[in-house]
Amino acid sequence: MWDQETIQVNLPGDYEEMYHGNHKEIVTLLSDLGSQGWDVASCSSTGNWLFWTLRRHRA
């Protein structure tokens, strides 16, 4: 989730992290998750919020 420079990441296993960042940081974060096998399955928005649903590809 991204809202006006606040990035929140929730992944399986109760993993949650908060970051501060703008467009450049969200692109970097999504790229890092991509290198770990995650990709964006969908994106939705409401107000100032962007929500991404990620899926992980398993070998």
Protein backbone atom coordinates (compact mmCIF):
# COMPACT_ATOMS: atom_id res chain seq x y z
CA MET A 1 0.00 0.00 0.00
CA TRP A 2 1.25 3.49 -0.79
CA ASP A 3 -0.23 6.72 0.54
CA GLN A 4 1.51 10.07 0.27
CA GLU A 5 5.05 8.89 0.96
CA THR A 6 4.13 6.04 3.34
CA ILE A 7 4.68 2.52 2.02
CA GLN A 8 3.28 -0.48 3.90
CA VAL A 9 4.17 -4.03 2.93
CA ASN A 10 2.17 -7.01 4.23
CA LEU A 11 3.25 -10.48 3.12
CA PRO A 12 2.28 -13.99 4.27
CA GLY A 13 3.54 -15.13 7.67
CA ASP A 14 2.52 -11.92 9.48
CA TYR A 15 5.34 -9.98 7.76
CA GLU A 16 4.70 -6.23 7.90
CA GLU A 17 7.09 -3.36 7.20
CA MET A 18 6.59 0.38 6.94
CA TYR A 19 8.77 2.61 4.76
CA HIS A 20 8.93 6.29 3.91
CA GLY A 21 9.25 7.02 0.23
CA ASN A 22 8.03 8.50 -2.99
CA HIS A 23 7.60 7.11 -6.51
CA LYS A 24 11.30 6.23 -6.85
CA GLU A 25 11.26 4.20 -3.62
CA ILE A 26 8.06 2.32 -4.52
CA VAL A 27 9.55 1.36 -7.90
CA THR A 28 12.70 0.13 -6.13
CA LEU A 29 10.65 -1.83 -3.56
CA LEU A 30 8.47 -3.49 -6.22
CA SER A 31 11.61 -4.33 -8.23
CA ASP A 32 13.23 -5.88 -5.15
CA LEU A 33 10.09 -7.95 -4.51
CA GLY A 34 10.16 -8.95 -8.19
CA SER A 35 13.69 -10.30 -7.79
CA GLN A 36 12.31 -12.48 -4.95
CA GLY A 37 9.66 -14.01 -7.25
CA TRP A 38 6.75 -11.64 -6.53
CA ASP A 39 4.79 -9.80 -9.22
CA VAL A 40 1.87 -7.40 -9.20
CA ALA A 41 -1.37 -9.28 -9.86
CA SER A 42 -3.59 -6.20 -9.54
CA CYS A 43 -3.67 -2.61 -8.36
CA SER A 44 -6.60 -0.57 -7.08
CA SER A 45 -6.96 2.89 -5.65
CA THR A 46 -9.21 4.84 -3.34
CA GLY A 47 -8.66 8.43 -2.33
CA ASN A 48 -4.89 8.94 -2.04
CA TRP A 49 -4.19 5.23 -1.54
CA LEU A 50 -2.81 2.67 -4.00
CA PHE A 51 -3.18 -1.02 -3.13
CA TRP A 52 -1.23 -3.76 -4.91
CA THR A 53 -2.02 -7.44 -4.73
CA LEU A 54 1.14 -9.48 -5.24
CA ARG A 55 1.54 -13.13 -6.14
CA ARG A 56 4.60 -15.28 -5.79
CA HIS A 57 5.72 -17.66 -8.48
CA ARG A 58 7.12 -20.91 -7.21
CA ALA A 59 9.57 -23.01 -9.18
